[in-house]
Amino acid sequence: MFTVLKIVLKIIVAIVLIIFIFKLFGFIFNNTLFIKRSLIGDTLETNTNTLSKQSYTSPSVKINSAIITVEVVRDDISMQKGLSGRLTLGENSGMLFLFPTTSKSYRFWMPDMHFPIDLFWINSDKVIVGIEKNISPNFDPANPHYYNPTVPIQFVLETNAGFAQKNNIKIGDTVVFDNIT
């Protein structure tokens, strides 16, 4: 009987220690600065329990009068994933791919896409040199379709399908980066 009480007491102490550790990490987690990024919104919000709320300008691009809040991708893993797996994209949102060098060997495909997109090929001078409009989300893994620029590019912008037409964006238009380094 005394052995059973010792075991029960050890279990209770272990549970109390686990609860204490979770509380400690919960306190640390809740009092650490976190940035919540929203593709749909146009600001990054910073919240903590001890700091006041502040707004920061999100990365964006401007083409003519259209302003697009962008998610910037520059690493291989993010570039390979792109918008794959996402169910939607905000109306004036997009994904901007920043390549380290200018080339015409970059190619795109659309596995696991759930909505059609417009794709803008942008050269190192930030001028649109090609547009792929209304790219279908339909993907055949046995016969994938690849999209390649016809001239050297350094940037690619993906938006919802119809964005180019709706905003009268055409080849030769200049792209202005804001808050993108």
N, C-alpha and C. Protein backbone atom coordinates (compact mmCIF):
# COMPACT_ATOMS: atom_id res chain seq x y z
N MET A 1 0.83 -1.20 0.00
CA MET A 1 0.00 0.00 0.00
C MET A 1 0.87 1.26 0.00
N PHE A 2 1.94 1.26 0.80
CA PHE A 2 2.82 2.40 0.88
C PHE A 2 3.52 2.63 -0.46
N THR A 3 3.86 1.58 -1.20
CA THR A 3 4.49 1.68 -2.52
C THR A 3 3.54 2.31 -3.52
N VAL A 4 2.27 1.97 -3.45
CA VAL A 4 1.27 2.55 -4.35
C VAL A 4 1.14 4.04 -4.08
N LEU A 5 1.16 4.45 -2.83
CA LEU A 5 1.08 5.88 -2.50
C LEU A 5 2.29 6.64 -3.03
N LYS A 6 3.48 6.03 -2.96
CA LYS A 6 4.69 6.67 -3.49
C LYS A 6 4.56 6.88 -5.00
N ILE A 7 4.04 5.88 -5.69
CA ILE A 7 3.87 5.98 -7.15
C ILE A 7 2.86 7.06 -7.49
N VAL A 8 1.74 7.11 -6.78
CA VAL A 8 0.72 8.14 -7.01
C VAL A 8 1.29 9.52 -6.74
N LEU A 9 2.06 9.65 -5.66
CA LEU A 9 2.67 10.93 -5.32
C LEU A 9 3.65 11.37 -6.42
N LYS A 10 4.45 10.45 -6.97
CA LYS A 10 5.37 10.77 -8.04
C LYS A 10 4.62 11.22 -9.30
N ILE A 11 3.51 10.57 -9.58
CA ILE A 11 2.70 10.95 -10.74
C ILE A 11 2.14 12.36 -10.56
N ILE A 12 1.66 12.66 -9.36
CA ILE A 12 1.11 13.99 -9.07
C ILE A 12 2.20 15.05 -9.21
N VAL A 13 3.38 14.79 -8.68
CA VAL A 13 4.49 15.74 -8.79
C VAL A 13 4.86 15.94 -10.27
N ALA A 14 4.90 14.86 -11.04
CA ALA A 14 5.21 14.97 -12.45
C ALA A 14 4.18 15.82 -13.18
N ILE A 15 2.90 15.62 -12.88
CA ILE A 15 1.83 16.40 -13.50
C ILE A 15 1.97 17.88 -13.14
N VAL A 16 2.25 18.16 -11.88
CA VAL A 16 2.41 19.55 -11.44
C VAL A 16 3.59 20.19 -12.16
N LEU A 17 4.71 19.47 -12.31
CA LEU A 17 5.86 19.99 -13.03
C LEU A 17 5.53 20.25 -14.50
N ILE A 18 4.83 19.35 -15.13
CA ILE A 18 4.43 19.54 -16.53
C ILE A 18 3.55 20.76 -16.68
N ILE A 19 2.59 20.92 -15.78
CA ILE A 19 1.71 22.10 -15.82
C ILE A 19 2.53 23.37 -15.63
N PHE A 20 3.49 23.35 -14.69
CA PHE A 20 4.34 24.51 -14.45
C PHE A 20 5.14 24.86 -15.70
N ILE A 21 5.71 23.85 -16.36
CA ILE A 21 6.51 24.08 -17.57
C ILE A 21 5.63 24.66 -18.68
N PHE A 22 4.42 24.10 -18.88
CA PHE A 22 3.52 24.65 -19.89
C PHE A 22 3.12 26.08 -19.57
N LYS A 23 2.87 26.38 -18.33
CA LYS A 23 2.53 27.75 -17.93
C LYS A 23 3.70 28.69 -18.20
N LEU A 24 4.92 28.24 -17.87
CA LEU A 24 6.09 29.05 -18.09
C LEU A 24 6.27 29.34 -19.58
N PHE A 25 6.19 28.31 -20.42
CA PHE A 25 6.32 28.53 -21.86
C PHE A 25 5.16 29.33 -22.41
N GLY A 26 3.98 29.15 -21.88
CA GLY A 26 2.84 29.96 -22.30
C GLY A 26 3.06 31.42 -22.00
N PHE A 27 3.63 31.73 -20.83
CA PHE A 27 3.93 33.11 -20.47
C PHE A 27 4.96 33.70 -21.43
N ILE A 28 6.03 32.94 -21.68
CA ILE A 28 7.06 33.40 -22.59
C ILE A 28 6.49 33.60 -23.98
N PHE A 29 5.69 32.63 -24.45
CA PHE A 29 5.09 32.70 -25.79
C PHE A 29 4.18 33.92 -25.93
N ASN A 30 3.35 34.16 -24.92
CA ASN A 30 2.39 35.27 -24.99
C ASN A 30 3.04 36.63 -24.84
N ASN A 31 4.24 36.70 -24.30
CA ASN A 31 4.89 37.99 -24.09
C ASN A 31 6.03 38.22 -25.06
N THR A 32 6.12 37.43 -26.10
CA THR A 32 7.13 37.60 -27.13
C THR A 32 6.49 38.31 -28.31
N LEU A 33 7.26 39.13 -28.98
CA LEU A 33 6.76 39.88 -30.13
C LEU A 33 6.54 38.95 -31.31
N PHE A 34 5.34 38.96 -31.87
CA PHE A 34 5.03 38.16 -33.05
C PHE A 34 4.43 39.08 -34.10
N ILE A 35 4.80 38.83 -35.33
CA ILE A 35 4.24 39.58 -36.45
C ILE A 35 3.29 38.66 -37.18
N LYS A 36 2.04 39.10 -37.29
CA LYS A 36 1.05 38.33 -38.05
C LYS A 36 0.98 38.92 -39.44
N ARG A 37 1.26 38.08 -40.43
CA ARG A 37 1.25 38.54 -41.80
C ARG A 37 -0.04 38.14 -42.48
N SER A 38 -0.66 39.08 -43.12
CA SER A 38 -1.90 38.79 -43.82
C SER A 38 -1.74 39.15 -45.29
N LEU A 39 -1.96 38.18 -46.14
CA LEU A 39 -1.90 38.47 -47.58
C LEU A 39 -3.07 39.33 -48.02
N ILE A 40 -4.16 39.24 -47.27
CA ILE A 40 -5.36 39.97 -47.68
C ILE A 40 -5.26 41.43 -47.27
N GLY A 41 -4.67 41.70 -46.12
CA GLY A 41 -4.58 43.07 -45.63
C GLY A 41 -3.44 43.82 -46.26
N ASP A 42 -3.29 45.10 -45.86
CA ASP A 42 -2.20 45.87 -46.41
C ASP A 42 -1.26 46.37 -45.32
N THR A 43 -1.36 45.81 -44.12
CA THR A 43 -0.43 46.15 -43.06
C THR A 43 -0.01 44.90 -42.33
N LEU A 44 1.16 45.00 -41.73
CA LEU A 44 1.61 43.96 -40.81
C LEU A 44 1.27 44.46 -39.42
N GLU A 45 0.60 43.65 -38.61
CA GLU A 45 0.25 44.06 -37.27
C GLU A 45 1.20 43.44 -36.28
N THR A 46 1.62 44.22 -35.30
CA THR A 46 2.49 43.74 -34.25
C THR A 46 1.72 43.82 -32.95
N ASN A 47 1.61 42.70 -32.24
CA ASN A 47 0.89 42.68 -30.98
C ASN A 47 1.73 42.02 -29.90
N THR A 48 1.71 42.57 -28.71
CA THR A 48 2.25 41.91 -27.52
C THR A 48 1.34 42.30 -26.38
N ASN A 49 1.52 41.66 -25.24
CA ASN A 49 0.74 42.04 -24.06
C ASN A 49 1.25 43.34 -23.46
N THR A 50 2.52 43.69 -23.75
CA THR A 50 3.10 44.85 -23.10
C THR A 50 3.35 46.02 -24.04
N LEU A 51 3.36 45.79 -25.35
CA LEU A 51 3.62 46.86 -26.30
C LEU A 51 2.32 47.34 -26.93
N SER A 52 2.29 48.60 -27.31
CA SER A 52 1.10 49.10 -27.99
C SER A 52 1.09 48.59 -29.42
N LYS A 53 -0.09 48.58 -30.03
CA LYS A 53 -0.24 48.11 -31.40
C LYS A 53 0.38 49.12 -32.36
N GLN A 54 1.16 48.59 -33.34
CA GLN A 54 1.80 49.44 -34.33
C GLN A 54 1.49 48.87 -35.70
N SER A 55 1.51 49.70 -36.72
CA SER A 55 1.31 49.21 -38.09
C SER A 55 2.57 49.44 -38.90
N TYR A 56 2.87 48.53 -39.78
CA TYR A 56 3.99 48.62 -40.68
C TYR A 56 3.47 48.42 -42.09
N THR A 57 4.08 49.08 -43.05
CA THR A 57 3.67 48.94 -44.43
C THR A 57 4.13 47.59 -44.96
N SER A 58 3.22 46.87 -45.58
CA SER A 58 3.54 45.58 -46.18
C SER A 58 4.28 45.79 -47.49
N PRO A 59 5.03 44.79 -47.91
CA PRO A 59 5.64 44.87 -49.24
C PRO A 59 4.53 44.98 -50.29
N SER A 60 4.77 45.81 -51.29
CA SER A 60 3.78 45.96 -52.36
C SER A 60 4.48 46.36 -53.65
N VAL A 61 3.75 46.19 -54.73
CA VAL A 61 4.21 46.66 -56.03
C VAL A 61 3.11 47.53 -56.62
N LYS A 62 3.53 48.49 -57.42
CA LYS A 62 2.58 49.37 -58.10
C LYS A 62 2.83 49.27 -59.59
N ILE A 63 1.76 48.99 -60.32
CA ILE A 63 1.80 48.97 -61.77
C ILE A 63 0.69 49.90 -62.24
N ASN A 64 1.06 50.97 -62.93
CA ASN A 64 0.10 52.01 -63.29
C ASN A 64 -0.55 52.51 -62.00
N SER A 65 -1.85 52.44 -61.86
CA SER A 65 -2.49 52.88 -60.62
C SER A 65 -2.84 51.72 -59.69
N ALA A 66 -2.52 50.49 -60.10
CA ALA A 66 -2.85 49.32 -59.30
C ALA A 66 -1.75 49.07 -58.25
N ILE A 67 -2.17 48.92 -57.01
CA ILE A 67 -1.25 48.58 -55.93
C ILE A 67 -1.56 47.17 -55.47
N ILE A 68 -0.54 46.32 -55.46
CA ILE A 68 -0.71 44.92 -55.10
C ILE A 68 0.13 44.62 -53.86
N THR A 69 -0.52 44.20 -52.79
CA THR A 69 0.20 43.74 -51.60
C THR A 69 0.76 42.37 -51.94
N VAL A 70 2.07 42.20 -51.72
CA VAL A 70 2.71 40.96 -52.16
C VAL A 70 3.37 40.21 -51.02
N GLU A 71 3.37 38.91 -51.19
CA GLU A 71 4.22 38.06 -50.38
C GLU A 71 5.48 37.87 -51.20
N VAL A 72 6.63 38.19 -50.63
CA VAL A 72 7.89 38.11 -51.36
C VAL A 72 8.54 36.76 -51.07
N VAL A 73 8.92 36.06 -52.14
CA VAL A 73 9.63 34.79 -51.99
C VAL A 73 10.96 34.87 -52.73
N ARG A 74 11.99 34.37 -52.08
CA ARG A 74 13.31 34.41 -52.70
C ARG A 74 14.12 33.16 -52.45
N ASP A 75 13.64 32.24 -51.60
CA ASP A 75 14.38 31.01 -51.37
C ASP A 75 13.79 29.88 -52.21
N ASP A 76 14.61 28.87 -52.49
CA ASP A 76 14.22 27.79 -53.40
C ASP A 76 12.94 27.08 -52.97
N ILE A 77 12.81 26.76 -51.70
CA ILE A 77 11.64 26.01 -51.22
C ILE A 77 10.36 26.82 -51.43
N SER A 78 10.39 28.09 -51.05
CA SER A 78 9.20 28.94 -51.24
C SER A 78 8.89 29.15 -52.71
N MET A 79 9.92 29.26 -53.53
CA MET A 79 9.69 29.44 -54.97
C MET A 79 9.08 28.18 -55.59
N GLN A 80 9.53 27.01 -55.15
CA GLN A 80 8.97 25.77 -55.69
C GLN A 80 7.51 25.62 -55.28
N LYS A 81 7.17 26.03 -54.08
CA LYS A 81 5.80 25.90 -53.60
C LYS A 81 4.90 26.97 -54.22
N GLY A 82 5.37 28.20 -54.26
CA GLY A 82 4.57 29.29 -54.83
C GLY A 82 3.19 29.37 -54.18
N LEU A 83 2.16 29.48 -54.99
CA LEU A 83 0.79 29.56 -54.49
C LEU A 83 0.12 28.19 -54.40
N SER A 84 0.85 27.14 -54.69
CA SER A 84 0.29 25.79 -54.63
C SER A 84 -0.30 25.50 -53.25
N GLY A 85 -1.45 24.88 -53.26
CA GLY A 85 -2.10 24.49 -52.01
C GLY A 85 -2.99 25.56 -51.41
N ARG A 86 -2.88 26.78 -51.84
CA ARG A 86 -3.72 27.85 -51.29
C ARG A 86 -5.09 27.82 -51.97
N LEU A 87 -6.11 28.10 -51.18
CA LEU A 87 -7.46 28.05 -51.72
C LEU A 87 -7.86 29.35 -52.40
N THR A 88 -7.33 30.47 -51.92
CA THR A 88 -7.70 31.78 -52.47
C THR A 88 -6.51 32.73 -52.39
N LEU A 89 -6.68 33.87 -53.00
CA LEU A 89 -5.73 34.97 -52.93
C LEU A 89 -6.55 36.24 -52.86
N GLY A 90 -6.17 37.15 -51.99
CA GLY A 90 -6.90 38.41 -51.85
C GLY A 90 -7.00 39.16 -53.16
N GLU A 91 -8.02 39.99 -53.29
CA GLU A 91 -8.31 40.67 -54.56
C GLU A 91 -7.13 41.47 -55.09
N ASN A 92 -6.48 42.24 -54.26
CA ASN A 92 -5.33 43.05 -54.69
C ASN A 92 -4.04 42.53 -54.07
N SER A 93 -3.91 41.21 -54.05
CA SER A 93 -2.75 40.56 -53.47
C SER A 93 -2.04 39.74 -54.52
N GLY A 94 -0.80 39.39 -54.21
CA GLY A 94 -0.04 38.57 -55.13
C GLY A 94 1.18 37.98 -54.47
N MET A 95 1.93 37.24 -55.26
CA MET A 95 3.20 36.68 -54.83
C MET A 95 4.26 37.17 -55.78
N LEU A 96 5.35 37.72 -55.21
CA LEU A 96 6.45 38.25 -56.00
C LEU A 96 7.68 37.37 -55.80
N PHE A 97 8.17 36.81 -56.90
CA PHE A 97 9.36 35.96 -56.88
C PHE A 97 10.57 36.83 -57.22
N LEU A 98 11.57 36.85 -56.35
CA LEU A 98 12.79 37.60 -56.57
C LEU A 98 13.92 36.61 -56.87
N PHE A 99 14.37 36.58 -58.09
CA PHE A 99 15.45 35.68 -58.47
C PHE A 99 16.79 36.38 -58.31
N PRO A 100 17.84 35.64 -57.98
CA PRO A 100 19.14 36.27 -57.72
C PRO A 100 19.82 36.83 -58.96
N THR A 101 19.48 36.28 -60.12
CA THR A 101 20.10 36.75 -61.37
C THR A 101 19.05 36.83 -62.47
N THR A 102 19.39 37.53 -63.52
CA THR A 102 18.52 37.63 -64.69
C THR A 102 18.75 36.42 -65.58
N SER A 103 17.65 35.81 -66.01
CA SER A 103 17.75 34.62 -66.87
C SER A 103 16.43 34.40 -67.58
N LYS A 104 16.47 33.66 -68.67
CA LYS A 104 15.21 33.24 -69.29
C LYS A 104 14.99 31.74 -69.09
N SER A 105 15.75 31.14 -68.17
CA SER A 105 15.61 29.71 -67.91
C SER A 105 14.66 29.40 -66.75
N TYR A 106 14.12 30.42 -66.10
CA TYR A 106 13.16 30.16 -65.02
C TYR A 106 11.87 29.63 -65.64
N ARG A 107 11.32 28.59 -65.01
CA ARG A 107 10.06 28.07 -65.53
C ARG A 107 9.10 27.80 -64.38
N PHE A 108 7.83 27.93 -64.71
CA PHE A 108 6.77 27.78 -63.72
C PHE A 108 5.81 26.70 -64.18
N TRP A 109 5.23 26.01 -63.20
CA TRP A 109 4.16 25.06 -63.46
C TRP A 109 3.14 25.20 -62.36
N MET A 110 1.99 24.56 -62.48
CA MET A 110 0.87 24.84 -61.59
C MET A 110 0.32 23.62 -60.84
N PRO A 111 1.16 22.81 -60.21
CA PRO A 111 0.61 21.68 -59.45
C PRO A 111 -0.12 22.17 -58.20
N ASP A 112 -1.19 21.50 -57.85
CA ASP A 112 -1.94 21.78 -56.62
C ASP A 112 -2.48 23.22 -56.55
N MET A 113 -2.79 23.80 -57.70
CA MET A 113 -3.40 25.13 -57.72
C MET A 113 -4.92 24.99 -57.62
N HIS A 114 -5.55 25.96 -56.95
CA HIS A 114 -7.00 25.91 -56.75
C HIS A 114 -7.74 27.07 -57.40
N PHE A 115 -7.01 27.95 -58.07
CA PHE A 115 -7.64 29.09 -58.72
C PHE A 115 -6.75 29.54 -59.88
N PRO A 116 -7.33 30.15 -60.91
CA PRO A 116 -6.52 30.63 -62.04
C PRO A 116 -5.75 31.90 -61.67
N ILE A 117 -4.64 32.12 -62.36
CA ILE A 117 -3.81 33.30 -62.07
C ILE A 117 -3.36 33.99 -63.35
N ASP A 118 -2.92 35.25 -63.18
CA ASP A 118 -2.16 35.97 -64.19
C ASP A 118 -0.71 35.94 -63.71
N LEU A 119 0.22 35.78 -64.65
CA LEU A 119 1.65 35.74 -64.32
C LEU A 119 2.36 36.82 -65.13
N PHE A 120 3.14 37.65 -64.45
CA PHE A 120 3.83 38.76 -65.09
C PHE A 120 5.33 38.51 -65.06
N TRP A 121 5.97 38.48 -66.23
CA TRP A 121 7.42 38.36 -66.34
C TRP A 121 7.99 39.77 -66.27
N ILE A 122 8.93 40.00 -65.36
CA ILE A 122 9.47 41.36 -65.13
C ILE A 122 10.99 41.30 -65.25
N ASN A 123 11.58 42.20 -66.04
CA ASN A 123 13.04 42.18 -66.21
C ASN A 123 13.75 42.90 -65.06
N SER A 124 15.07 42.95 -65.13
CA SER A 124 15.86 43.56 -64.04
C SER A 124 15.65 45.07 -63.94
N ASP A 125 15.14 45.69 -65.00
CA ASP A 125 14.80 47.12 -64.96
C ASP A 125 13.40 47.37 -64.42
N LYS A 126 12.74 46.29 -63.98
CA LYS A 126 11.39 46.33 -63.42
C LYS A 126 10.37 46.80 -64.46
N VAL A 127 10.51 46.25 -65.65
CA VAL A 127 9.57 46.49 -66.74
C VAL A 127 8.93 45.16 -67.10
N ILE A 128 7.62 45.15 -67.29
CA ILE A 128 6.92 43.93 -67.67
C ILE A 128 7.29 43.58 -69.11
N VAL A 129 7.83 42.37 -69.28
CA VAL A 129 8.27 41.93 -70.61
C VAL A 129 7.42 40.78 -71.13
N GLY A 130 6.48 40.31 -70.34
CA GLY A 130 5.58 39.25 -70.76
C GLY A 130 4.46 39.06 -69.75
N ILE A 131 3.31 38.61 -70.23
CA ILE A 131 2.16 38.35 -69.36
C ILE A 131 1.50 37.04 -69.81
N GLU A 132 1.29 36.16 -68.86
CA GLU A 132 0.51 34.94 -69.09
C GLU A 132 -0.83 35.18 -68.40
N LYS A 133 -1.89 35.26 -69.15
CA LYS A 133 -3.20 35.60 -68.59
C LYS A 133 -4.05 34.36 -68.36
N ASN A 134 -4.78 34.38 -67.26
CA ASN A 134 -5.78 33.36 -66.94
C ASN A 134 -5.22 31.93 -67.04
N ILE A 135 -4.11 31.69 -66.35
CA ILE A 135 -3.52 30.36 -66.32
C ILE A 135 -4.44 29.44 -65.52
N SER A 136 -4.83 28.36 -66.12
CA SER A 136 -5.76 27.42 -65.51
C SER A 136 -5.12 26.68 -64.33
N PRO A 137 -5.91 26.41 -63.29
CA PRO A 137 -5.40 25.62 -62.18
C PRO A 137 -5.37 24.12 -62.49
N ASN A 138 -5.96 23.72 -63.63
CA ASN A 138 -5.97 22.30 -63.99
C ASN A 138 -4.55 21.84 -64.28
N PHE A 139 -4.17 20.71 -63.69
CA PHE A 139 -2.81 20.22 -63.81
C PHE A 139 -2.82 18.74 -64.10
N ASP A 140 -2.10 18.36 -65.12
CA ASP A 140 -1.97 16.95 -65.50
C ASP A 140 -0.53 16.51 -65.19
N PRO A 141 -0.32 15.76 -64.09
CA PRO A 141 1.05 15.37 -63.73
C PRO A 141 1.73 14.51 -64.79
N ALA A 142 0.95 13.80 -65.58
CA ALA A 142 1.53 12.97 -66.64
C ALA A 142 2.02 13.82 -67.81
N ASN A 143 1.44 15.00 -67.96
CA ASN A 143 1.81 15.89 -69.06
C ASN A 143 1.77 17.34 -68.56
N PRO A 144 2.69 17.71 -67.66
CA PRO A 144 2.63 19.06 -67.09
C PRO A 144 2.95 20.14 -68.12
N HIS A 145 2.29 21.27 -67.98
CA HIS A 145 2.56 22.42 -68.84
C HIS A 145 3.48 23.37 -68.09
N TYR A 146 4.56 23.79 -68.72
CA TYR A 146 5.50 24.72 -68.11
C TYR A 146 5.37 26.09 -68.77
N TYR A 147 5.53 27.13 -67.96
CA TYR A 147 5.49 28.51 -68.46
C TYR A 147 6.90 29.06 -68.33
N ASN A 148 7.45 29.56 -69.45
CA ASN A 148 8.80 30.09 -69.50
C ASN A 148 8.78 31.48 -70.09
N PRO A 149 9.64 32.36 -69.59
CA PRO A 149 9.74 33.68 -70.24
C PRO A 149 10.45 33.54 -71.58
N THR A 150 10.15 34.44 -72.48
CA THR A 150 10.80 34.42 -73.80
C THR A 150 12.03 35.31 -73.84
N VAL A 151 12.17 36.15 -72.83
CA VAL A 151 13.35 37.03 -72.70
C VAL A 151 13.84 36.93 -71.25
N PRO A 152 15.08 37.35 -70.98
CA PRO A 152 15.58 37.28 -69.60
C PRO A 152 14.73 38.11 -68.63
N ILE A 153 14.47 37.51 -67.48
CA ILE A 153 13.69 38.18 -66.42
C ILE A 153 14.43 38.00 -65.09
N GLN A 154 14.04 38.81 -64.09
CA GLN A 154 14.57 38.63 -62.75
C GLN A 154 13.47 38.54 -61.71
N PHE A 155 12.25 38.92 -62.08
CA PHE A 155 11.13 38.91 -61.15
C PHE A 155 9.90 38.31 -61.83
N VAL A 156 9.06 37.69 -61.02
CA VAL A 156 7.76 37.19 -61.50
C VAL A 156 6.72 37.59 -60.48
N LEU A 157 5.60 38.10 -60.96
CA LEU A 157 4.47 38.45 -60.11
C LEU A 157 3.29 37.57 -60.48
N GLU A 158 2.67 36.93 -59.49
CA GLU A 158 1.45 36.16 -59.70
C GLU A 158 0.30 36.85 -58.98
N THR A 159 -0.81 37.02 -59.71
CA THR A 159 -2.03 37.62 -59.15
C THR A 159 -3.22 36.75 -59.54
N ASN A 160 -4.38 37.11 -59.05
CA ASN A 160 -5.60 36.43 -59.50
C ASN A 160 -5.78 36.65 -61.00
N ALA A 161 -6.37 35.67 -61.65
CA ALA A 161 -6.67 35.79 -63.07
C ALA A 161 -7.58 36.99 -63.31
N GLY A 162 -7.34 37.68 -64.40
CA GLY A 162 -8.14 38.84 -64.75
C GLY A 162 -7.57 40.14 -64.23
N PHE A 163 -6.54 40.07 -63.38
CA PHE A 163 -5.98 41.28 -62.80
C PHE A 163 -5.37 42.18 -63.88
N ALA A 164 -4.65 41.58 -64.83
CA ALA A 164 -4.03 42.37 -65.90
C ALA A 164 -5.08 43.12 -66.72
N GLN A 165 -6.13 42.41 -67.10
CA GLN A 165 -7.18 43.04 -67.90
C GLN A 165 -7.93 44.10 -67.10
N LYS A 166 -8.30 43.77 -65.87
CA LYS A 166 -9.06 44.70 -65.03
C LYS A 166 -8.30 46.01 -64.81
N ASN A 167 -6.97 45.93 -64.71
CA ASN A 167 -6.16 47.11 -64.41
C ASN A 167 -5.39 47.63 -65.63
N ASN A 168 -5.75 47.13 -66.82
CA ASN A 168 -5.15 47.58 -68.08
C ASN A 168 -3.61 47.51 -68.03
N ILE A 169 -3.10 46.41 -67.50
CA ILE A 169 -1.65 46.21 -67.41
C ILE A 169 -1.19 45.51 -68.68
N LYS A 170 -0.10 46.04 -69.24
CA LYS A 170 0.39 45.50 -70.51
C LYS A 170 1.92 45.44 -70.53
N ILE A 171 2.45 44.74 -71.50
CA ILE A 171 3.90 44.66 -71.68
C ILE A 171 4.43 46.08 -71.88
N GLY A 172 5.54 46.38 -71.22
CA GLY A 172 6.15 47.71 -71.28
C GLY A 172 5.85 48.56 -70.06
N ASP A 173 4.85 48.17 -69.27
CA ASP A 173 4.53 48.92 -68.06
C ASP A 173 5.65 48.74 -67.03
N THR A 174 5.90 49.79 -66.26
CA THR A 174 6.93 49.77 -65.22
C THR A 174 6.32 49.31 -63.90
N VAL A 175 7.10 48.52 -63.15
CA VAL A 175 6.69 48.02 -61.85
C VAL A 175 7.52 48.75 -60.79
N VAL A 176 6.84 49.32 -59.82
CA VAL A 176 7.52 50.03 -58.72
C VAL A 176 7.42 49.18 -57.48
N PHE A 177 8.57 48.85 -56.88
CA PHE A 177 8.59 48.08 -55.65
C PHE A 177 8.53 49.03 -54.46
N ASP A 178 7.73 48.67 -53.46
CA ASP A 178 7.66 49.45 -52.23
C ASP A 178 7.86 48.52 -51.04
N ASN A 179 8.81 48.86 -50.21
CA ASN A 179 9.09 48.08 -49.00
C ASN A 179 9.58 46.68 -49.32
N ILE A 180 10.31 46.54 -50.42
CA ILE A 180 10.87 45.26 -50.84
C ILE A 180 12.38 45.44 -50.96
N THR A 181 13.09 44.61 -50.21
CA THR A 181 14.56 44.72 -50.26
C THR A 181 15.18 43.44 -50.74
